[in-house]
Amino acid sequence: MSSVVGFEAVKFIQFARWIDSGEVVAPSANTELVRYVVGMNRLGYFYGFFVMASEANTFKINWLSGGVSYSLRIPLPNAGVVHYADPIAMNLGNPADSLSAITVTNLSDGSSGSVYQVRLLVAEAIG
């Protein structure tokens, strides 16, 4: 890929879209709360996330790039919501590999009756 002002020039095949997990009650640690599989011969990018939980927890966005595992932590110090979106991909420079998954997991067990919901803003580019 060519470089434009220090950033990768990517040819997107779709607009970014939200992938929604639906609600999950009392997930055990490392539960895959949302999953997006990158298409064949494509590169996967994520531009934002929405994390809601009725208790404190830490979450991770996980992906493979060049066969190397990457993650990004999202702390939620109290019950509530963290919502972030950006026009620049959060994994620019390390796009998710073709046919690999971009996932969001929780690091700690959810307590009884706790409710979680996660969304991920993703797009694909020609790989």
Protein backbone atom coordinates (compact mmCIF):
# COMPACT_ATOMS: atom_id res chain seq x y z
CA MET A 1 0.00 0.00 0.00
CA SER A 2 1.13 3.52 -0.62
CA SER A 3 1.70 6.11 2.09
CA VAL A 4 -0.16 9.42 2.29
CA VAL A 5 1.03 11.97 4.86
CA GLY A 6 2.34 9.21 7.11
CA PHE A 7 -0.86 7.16 6.95
CA GLU A 8 -1.71 4.09 4.91
CA ALA A 9 -3.80 4.72 1.84
CA VAL A 10 -6.47 2.06 1.92
CA LYS A 11 -9.16 1.25 -0.58
CA PHE A 12 -12.32 0.55 1.37
CA ILE A 13 -14.96 -1.75 -0.01
CA GLN A 14 -17.66 -0.74 2.47
CA PHE A 15 -18.55 2.02 4.87
CA ALA A 16 -17.90 1.46 8.55
CA ARG A 17 -20.77 -0.30 10.32
CA TRP A 18 -21.66 -1.21 13.86
CA ILE A 19 -21.58 -4.88 14.87
CA ASP A 20 -23.83 -5.45 17.89
CA SER A 21 -23.55 -8.27 20.42
CA GLY A 22 -26.92 -7.99 22.06
CA GLU A 23 -27.13 -8.17 25.84
CA VAL A 24 -25.15 -10.75 27.79
CA VAL A 25 -25.98 -11.52 31.44
CA ALA A 26 -23.21 -12.35 33.95
CA PRO A 27 -20.51 -13.34 31.43
CA SER A 28 -17.58 -15.37 32.71
CA ALA A 29 -14.07 -13.93 32.30
CA ASN A 30 -12.77 -13.79 28.72
CA THR A 31 -16.21 -14.18 27.18
CA GLU A 32 -16.29 -13.12 23.53
CA LEU A 33 -18.93 -10.39 23.73
CA VAL A 34 -18.82 -9.41 20.07
CA ARG A 35 -17.08 -10.98 17.06
CA TYR A 36 -16.47 -9.80 13.50
CA VAL A 37 -14.73 -12.02 10.95
CA VAL A 38 -12.81 -10.20 8.21
CA GLY A 39 -13.66 -11.27 4.67
CA MET A 40 -11.42 -13.24 2.34
CA ASN A 41 -8.63 -11.14 0.76
CA ARG A 42 -9.63 -8.19 2.96
CA LEU A 43 -8.06 -6.19 5.78
CA GLY A 44 -10.12 -5.38 8.87
CA TYR A 45 -10.19 -2.01 10.60
CA PHE A 46 -12.09 -0.80 13.65
CA TYR A 47 -13.02 2.81 14.27
CA GLY A 48 -14.79 2.72 17.57
CA PHE A 49 -16.58 0.82 20.27
CA PHE A 50 -19.52 1.02 22.64
CA VAL A 51 -19.14 -0.83 25.93
CA MET A 52 -21.91 -0.92 28.53
CA ALA A 53 -21.89 -2.86 31.78
CA SER A 54 -23.88 -2.67 34.99
CA GLU A 55 -20.61 -3.02 36.94
CA ALA A 56 -16.92 -2.17 36.66
CA ASN A 57 -14.80 -4.36 34.37
CA THR A 58 -12.00 -4.14 31.82
CA PHE A 59 -12.51 -5.10 28.19
CA LYS A 60 -10.12 -5.91 25.35
CA ILE A 61 -10.39 -5.53 21.60
CA ASN A 62 -8.39 -8.45 20.13
CA TRP A 63 -7.15 -9.05 16.58
CA LEU A 64 -4.38 -10.66 14.50
CA SER A 65 -2.23 -8.59 12.15
CA GLY A 66 0.52 -10.28 10.16
CA GLY A 67 -0.09 -13.36 12.30
CA VAL A 68 0.76 -11.40 15.47
CA SER A 69 -1.83 -11.05 18.24
CA TYR A 70 -2.75 -7.49 19.29
CA SER A 71 -5.12 -6.14 21.92
CA LEU A 72 -6.37 -2.80 23.17
CA ARG A 73 -7.70 -2.44 26.72
CA ILE A 74 -10.85 -0.51 27.56
CA PRO A 75 -11.22 0.17 31.30
CA LEU A 76 -14.71 0.72 32.70
CA PRO A 77 -14.04 1.80 36.31
CA ASN A 78 -17.73 1.91 37.32
CA ALA A 79 -21.09 0.79 36.01
CA GLY A 80 -21.88 2.78 32.88
CA VAL A 81 -20.92 3.29 29.25
CA VAL A 82 -17.75 4.03 27.30
CA HIS A 83 -18.42 5.10 23.71
CA TYR A 84 -15.66 6.10 21.28
CA ALA A 85 -15.60 6.62 17.51
CA ASP A 86 -12.95 8.20 15.27
CA PRO A 87 -12.61 8.76 11.50
CA ILE A 88 -9.10 7.23 11.71
CA ALA A 89 -8.92 3.49 12.32
CA MET A 90 -7.77 2.57 15.81
CA ASN A 91 -5.68 -0.24 14.33
CA LEU A 92 -4.23 1.76 11.42
CA GLY A 93 -0.83 0.24 10.65
CA ASN A 94 -1.91 -3.13 12.08
CA PRO A 95 -5.07 -4.13 10.20
CA ALA A 96 -6.74 -7.41 11.07
CA ASP A 97 -5.75 -10.28 8.80
CA SER A 98 -8.03 -11.76 6.17
CA LEU A 99 -10.41 -14.40 7.62
CA SER A 100 -9.36 -13.56 11.20
CA ALA A 101 -11.69 -12.30 13.91
CA ILE A 102 -11.83 -8.97 15.67
CA THR A 103 -13.34 -9.64 19.09
CA VAL A 104 -14.14 -7.82 22.31
CA THR A 105 -13.78 -9.77 25.57
CA ASN A 106 -14.26 -8.96 29.27
CA LEU A 107 -11.32 -9.66 31.59
CA SER A 108 -13.19 -10.42 34.83
CA ASP A 109 -16.25 -12.51 35.66
CA GLY A 110 -19.54 -10.64 35.59
CA SER A 111 -21.46 -10.84 38.85
CA SER A 112 -24.86 -12.50 39.07
CA GLY A 113 -27.49 -10.44 37.26
CA SER A 114 -25.00 -8.06 35.68
CA VAL A 115 -25.78 -6.97 32.11
CA TYR A 116 -23.21 -6.27 29.38
CA GLN A 117 -23.56 -5.02 25.83
CA VAL A 118 -20.80 -4.29 23.31
CA ARG A 119 -20.73 -2.84 19.80
CA LEU A 120 -17.76 -2.49 17.44
CA LEU A 121 -17.46 -0.07 14.51
CA VAL A 122 -15.70 -1.94 11.68
CA ALA A 123 -14.85 -1.64 7.99
CA GLU A 124 -12.88 -3.67 5.47
CA ALA A 125 -10.36 -2.71 2.80
CA ILE A 126 -9.00 -4.63 -0.15
CA GLY A 127 -6.01 -6.60 1.12
